[in-house]
Amino acid sequence: MSPVEPPAELRERIQDELERNRRWEYRLPLYGAIALLVCAAIVVVRVVFLHV
């Protein structure tokens, strides 16, 4: 083991955290689509019911 490499335990924790972050990244497009649908629904309600 060279002095620049982190210990195995630290490498494993870093790898676990990267994997958790990667799983969240896969959900981001879904959350973005939901946000766009909510914004579109607000616009439709304003146009239809408030005649803005």
PDB file of N, CA and C in Angstrom:
ATOM      1  N   MET A   1       0.851  -1.177   0.000  1.00  0.00           N
ATOM      2  CA  MET A   1       0.000   0.000   0.000  1.00  0.00           C
ATOM      3  C   MET A   1       0.896   1.239   0.000  1.00  0.00           C
ATOM      4  N   SER A   2       0.649   2.123  -0.943  1.00  0.00           N
ATOM      5  CA  SER A   2       1.434   3.352  -0.993  1.00  0.00           C
ATOM      6  C   SER A   2       0.827   4.378  -0.034  1.00  0.00           C
ATOM      7  N   PRO A   3       1.581   5.375   0.354  1.00  0.00           N
ATOM      8  CA  PRO A   3       1.076   6.369   1.307  1.00  0.00           C
ATOM      9  C   PRO A   3      -0.078   7.204   0.749  1.00  0.00           C
ATOM     10  N   VAL A   4      -0.242   7.233  -0.570  1.00  0.00           N
ATOM     11  CA  VAL A   4      -1.312   8.052  -1.146  1.00  0.00           C
ATOM     12  C   VAL A   4      -2.657   7.330  -1.134  1.00  0.00           C
ATOM     13  N   GLU A   5      -2.667   6.024  -1.117  1.00  0.00           N
ATOM     14  CA  GLU A   5      -3.919   5.280  -1.135  1.00  0.00           C
ATOM     15  C   GLU A   5      -4.573   5.303   0.240  1.00  0.00           C
ATOM     16  N   PRO A   6      -5.882   5.538   0.267  1.00  0.00           N
ATOM     17  CA  PRO A   6      -6.578   5.491   1.557  1.00  0.00           C
ATOM     18  C   PRO A   6      -6.693   4.042   2.035  1.00  0.00           C
ATOM     19  N   PRO A   7      -6.880   3.860   3.306  1.00  0.00           N
ATOM     20  CA  PRO A   7      -7.055   2.503   3.829  1.00  0.00           C
ATOM     21  C   PRO A   7      -8.289   1.826   3.222  1.00  0.00           C
ATOM     22  N   ALA A   8      -8.330   0.519   3.285  1.00  0.00           N
ATOM     23  CA  ALA A   8      -9.417  -0.245   2.661  1.00  0.00           C
ATOM     24  C   ALA A   8     -10.778   0.146   3.230  1.00  0.00           C
ATOM     25  N   GLU A   9     -10.842   0.379   4.539  1.00  0.00           N
ATOM     26  CA  GLU A   9     -12.123   0.748   5.153  1.00  0.00           C
ATOM     27  C   GLU A   9     -12.628   2.074   4.601  1.00  0.00           C
ATOM     28  N   LEU A  10     -11.735   3.035   4.460  1.00  0.00           N
ATOM     29  CA  LEU A  10     -12.125   4.343   3.922  1.00  0.00           C
ATOM     30  C   LEU A  10     -12.532   4.217   2.460  1.00  0.00           C
ATOM     31  N   ARG A  11     -11.802   3.437   1.687  1.00  0.00           N
ATOM     32  CA  ARG A  11     -12.168   3.231   0.279  1.00  0.00           C
ATOM     33  C   ARG A  11     -13.560   2.609   0.169  1.00  0.00           C
ATOM     34  N   GLU A  12     -13.869   1.664   1.053  1.00  0.00           N
ATOM     35  CA  GLU A  12     -15.172   1.014   1.017  1.00  0.00           C
ATOM     36  C   GLU A  12     -16.287   2.004   1.362  1.00  0.00           C
ATOM     37  N   ARG A  13     -16.049   2.866   2.372  1.00  0.00           N
ATOM     38  CA  ARG A  13     -17.055   3.870   2.726  1.00  0.00           C
ATOM     39  C   ARG A  13     -17.273   4.856   1.589  1.00  0.00           C
ATOM     40  N   ILE A  14     -16.190   5.254   0.941  1.00  0.00           N
ATOM     41  CA  ILE A  14     -16.310   6.182  -0.190  1.00  0.00           C
ATOM     42  C   ILE A  14     -17.094   5.524  -1.324  1.00  0.00           C
ATOM     43  N   GLN A  15     -16.797   4.268  -1.604  1.00  0.00           N
ATOM     44  CA  GLN A  15     -17.497   3.550  -2.673  1.00  0.00           C
ATOM     45  C   GLN A  15     -18.983   3.415  -2.362  1.00  0.00           C
ATOM     46  N   ASP A  16     -19.322   3.131  -1.097  1.00  0.00           N
ATOM     47  CA  ASP A  16     -20.732   3.036  -0.707  1.00  0.00           C
ATOM     48  C   ASP A  16     -21.451   4.364  -0.896  1.00  0.00           C
ATOM     49  N   GLU A  17     -20.788   5.449  -0.515  1.00  0.00           N
ATOM     50  CA  GLU A  17     -21.401   6.766  -0.670  1.00  0.00           C
ATOM     51  C   GLU A  17     -21.592   7.114  -2.147  1.00  0.00           C
ATOM     52  N   LEU A  18     -20.622   6.793  -2.965  1.00  0.00           N
ATOM     53  CA  LEU A  18     -20.762   7.039  -4.405  1.00  0.00           C
ATOM     54  C   LEU A  18     -21.931   6.246  -4.988  1.00  0.00           C
ATOM     55  N   GLU A  19     -22.106   5.031  -4.544  1.00  0.00           N
ATOM     56  CA  GLU A  19     -23.206   4.196  -5.031  1.00  0.00           C
ATOM     57  C   GLU A  19     -24.553   4.773  -4.608  1.00  0.00           C
ATOM     58  N   ARG A  20     -24.646   5.259  -3.357  1.00  0.00           N
ATOM     59  CA  ARG A  20     -25.898   5.897  -2.910  1.00  0.00           C
ATOM     60  C   ARG A  20     -26.187   7.140  -3.744  1.00  0.00           C
ATOM     61  N   ASN A  21     -25.186   7.948  -4.013  1.00  0.00           N
ATOM     62  CA  ASN A  21     -25.378   9.152  -4.822  1.00  0.00           C
ATOM     63  C   ASN A  21     -25.810   8.799  -6.237  1.00  0.00           C
ATOM     64  N   ARG A  22     -25.252   7.744  -6.783  1.00  0.00           N
ATOM     65  CA  ARG A  22     -25.601   7.320  -8.133  1.00  0.00           C
ATOM     66  C   ARG A  22     -27.066   6.901  -8.191  1.00  0.00           C
ATOM     67  N   ARG A  23     -27.537   6.211  -7.158  1.00  0.00           N
ATOM     68  CA  ARG A  23     -28.959   5.806  -7.133  1.00  0.00           C
ATOM     69  C   ARG A  23     -29.862   7.036  -7.106  1.00  0.00           C
ATOM     70  N   TRP A  24     -29.490   8.080  -6.365  1.00  0.00           N
ATOM     71  CA  TRP A  24     -30.289   9.303  -6.340  1.00  0.00           C
ATOM     72  C   TRP A  24     -30.279   9.994  -7.691  1.00  0.00           C
ATOM     73  N   GLU A  25     -29.156   9.946  -8.398  1.00  0.00           N
ATOM     74  CA  GLU A  25     -29.087  10.585  -9.710  1.00  0.00           C
ATOM     75  C   GLU A  25     -30.072   9.957 -10.687  1.00  0.00           C
ATOM     76  N   TYR A  26     -30.321   8.666 -10.549  1.00  0.00           N
ATOM     77  CA  TYR A  26     -31.278   8.008 -11.441  1.00  0.00           C
ATOM     78  C   TYR A  26     -32.695   8.507 -11.201  1.00  0.00           C
ATOM     79  N   ARG A  27     -32.993   8.986 -10.005  1.00  0.00           N
ATOM     80  CA  ARG A  27     -34.336   9.467  -9.682  1.00  0.00           C
ATOM     81  C   ARG A  27     -34.553  10.921 -10.108  1.00  0.00           C
ATOM     82  N   LEU A  28     -33.502  11.672 -10.366  1.00  0.00           N
ATOM     83  CA  LEU A  28     -33.647  13.094 -10.653  1.00  0.00           C
ATOM     84  C   LEU A  28     -34.517  13.404 -11.872  1.00  0.00           C
ATOM     85  N   PRO A  29     -34.389  12.673 -12.992  1.00  0.00           N
ATOM     86  CA  PRO A  29     -35.286  12.982 -14.129  1.00  0.00           C
ATOM     87  C   PRO A  29     -36.764  12.796 -13.770  1.00  0.00           C
ATOM     88  N   LEU A  30     -37.072  11.793 -12.968  1.00  0.00           N
ATOM     89  CA  LEU A  30     -38.459  11.591 -12.540  1.00  0.00           C
ATOM     90  C   LEU A  30     -38.938  12.775 -11.702  1.00  0.00           C
ATOM     91  N   TYR A  31     -38.110  13.224 -10.761  1.00  0.00           N
ATOM     92  CA  TYR A  31     -38.492  14.375  -9.940  1.00  0.00           C
ATOM     93  C   TYR A  31     -38.644  15.636 -10.797  1.00  0.00           C
ATOM     94  N   GLY A  32     -37.797  15.793 -11.791  1.00  0.00           N
ATOM     95  CA  GLY A  32     -37.916  16.935 -12.699  1.00  0.00           C
ATOM     96  C   GLY A  32     -39.213  16.899 -13.479  1.00  0.00           C
ATOM     97  N   ALA A  33     -39.588  15.717 -13.954  1.00  0.00           N
ATOM     98  CA  ALA A  33     -40.837  15.577 -14.698  1.00  0.00           C
ATOM     99  C   ALA A  33     -42.039  15.877 -13.805  1.00  0.00           C
ATOM    100  N   ILE A  34     -42.001  15.424 -12.578  1.00  0.00           N
ATOM    101  CA  ILE A  34     -43.096  15.703 -11.640  1.00  0.00           C
ATOM    102  C   ILE A  34     -43.204  17.207 -11.393  1.00  0.00           C
ATOM    103  N   ALA A  35     -42.064  17.869 -11.234  1.00  0.00           N
ATOM    104  CA  ALA A  35     -42.068  19.321 -11.007  1.00  0.00           C
ATOM    105  C   ALA A  35     -42.655  20.056 -12.208  1.00  0.00           C
ATOM    106  N   LEU A  36     -42.305  19.621 -13.419  1.00  0.00           N
ATOM    107  CA  LEU A  36     -42.861  20.255 -14.615  1.00  0.00           C
ATOM    108  C   LEU A  36     -44.365  20.037 -14.708  1.00  0.00           C
ATOM    109  N   LEU A  37     -44.831  18.842 -14.353  1.00  0.00           N
ATOM    110  CA  LEU A  37     -46.271  18.582 -14.370  1.00  0.00           C
ATOM    111  C   LEU A  37     -47.014  19.452 -13.368  1.00  0.00           C
ATOM    112  N   VAL A  38     -46.430  19.654 -12.201  1.00  0.00           N
ATOM    113  CA  VAL A  38     -47.060  20.519 -11.195  1.00  0.00           C
ATOM    114  C   VAL A  38     -47.130  21.955 -11.700  1.00  0.00           C
ATOM    115  N   CYS A  39     -46.052  22.424 -12.302  1.00  0.00           N
ATOM    116  CA  CYS A  39     -46.053  23.794 -12.851  1.00  0.00           C
ATOM    117  C   CYS A  39     -47.089  23.935 -13.964  1.00  0.00           C
ATOM    118  N   ALA A  40     -47.176  22.930 -14.836  1.00  0.00           N
ATOM    119  CA  ALA A  40     -48.158  22.974 -15.918  1.00  0.00           C
ATOM    120  C   ALA A  40     -49.578  22.972 -15.351  1.00  0.00           C
ATOM    121  N   ALA A  41     -49.816  22.201 -14.310  1.00  0.00           N
ATOM    122  CA  ALA A  41     -51.148  22.162 -13.700  1.00  0.00           C
ATOM    123  C   ALA A  41     -51.498  23.517 -13.100  1.00  0.00           C
ATOM    124  N   ILE A  42     -50.543  24.176 -12.482  1.00  0.00           N
ATOM    125  CA  ILE A  42     -50.795  25.504 -11.910  1.00  0.00           C
ATOM    126  C   ILE A  42     -51.148  26.496 -13.005  1.00  0.00           C
ATOM    127  N   VAL A  43     -50.408  26.452 -14.112  1.00  0.00           N
ATOM    128  CA  VAL A  43     -50.682  27.360 -15.232  1.00  0.00           C
ATOM    129  C   VAL A  43     -52.072  27.099 -15.797  1.00  0.00           C
ATOM    130  N   VAL A  44     -52.431  25.833 -15.976  1.00  0.00           N
ATOM    131  CA  VAL A  44     -53.743  25.497 -16.528  1.00  0.00           C
ATOM    132  C   VAL A  44     -54.844  25.978 -15.590  1.00  0.00           C
ATOM    133  N   VAL A  45     -54.703  25.779 -14.315  1.00  0.00           N
ATOM    134  CA  VAL A  45     -55.728  26.231 -13.370  1.00  0.00           C
ATOM    135  C   VAL A  45     -55.856  27.731 -13.411  1.00  0.00           C
ATOM    136  N   ARG A  46     -54.744  28.434 -13.468  1.00  0.00           N
ATOM    137  CA  ARG A  46     -54.812  29.901 -13.529  1.00  0.00           C
ATOM    138  C   ARG A  46     -55.504  30.375 -14.807  1.00  0.00           C
ATOM    139  N   VAL A  47     -55.178  29.763 -15.934  1.00  0.00           N
ATOM    140  CA  VAL A  47     -55.758  30.210 -17.215  1.00  0.00           C
ATOM    141  C   VAL A  47     -57.231  29.867 -17.279  1.00  0.00           C
ATOM    142  N   VAL A  48     -57.590  28.668 -16.857  1.00  0.00           N
ATOM    143  CA  VAL A  48     -58.973  28.235 -16.992  1.00  0.00           C
ATOM    144  C   VAL A  48     -59.889  28.909 -15.976  1.00  0.00           C
ATOM    145  N   PHE A  49     -59.473  28.958 -14.724  1.00  0.00           N
ATOM    146  CA  PHE A  49     -60.382  29.431 -13.688  1.00  0.00           C
ATOM    147  C   PHE A  49     -60.214  30.902 -13.336  1.00  0.00           C
ATOM    148  N   LEU A  50     -59.053  31.473 -13.529  1.00  0.00           N
ATOM    149  CA  LEU A  50     -58.851  32.865 -13.140  1.00  0.00           C
ATOM    150  C   LEU A  50     -58.793  33.812 -14.333  1.00  0.00           C
ATOM    151  N   HIS A  51     -58.788  33.287 -15.541  1.00  0.00           N
ATOM    152  CA  HIS A  51     -58.778  34.090 -16.776  1.00  0.00           C
ATOM    153  C   HIS A  51     -57.717  35.167 -16.753  1.00  0.00           C
ATOM    154  N   VAL A  52     -56.497  34.768 -16.397  1.00  0.00           N
ATOM    155  CA  VAL A  52     -55.389  35.727 -16.302  1.00  0.00           C
ATOM    156  C   VAL A  52     -54.806  35.968 -17.673  1.00  0.00           C
TER     157      VAL A  52
END
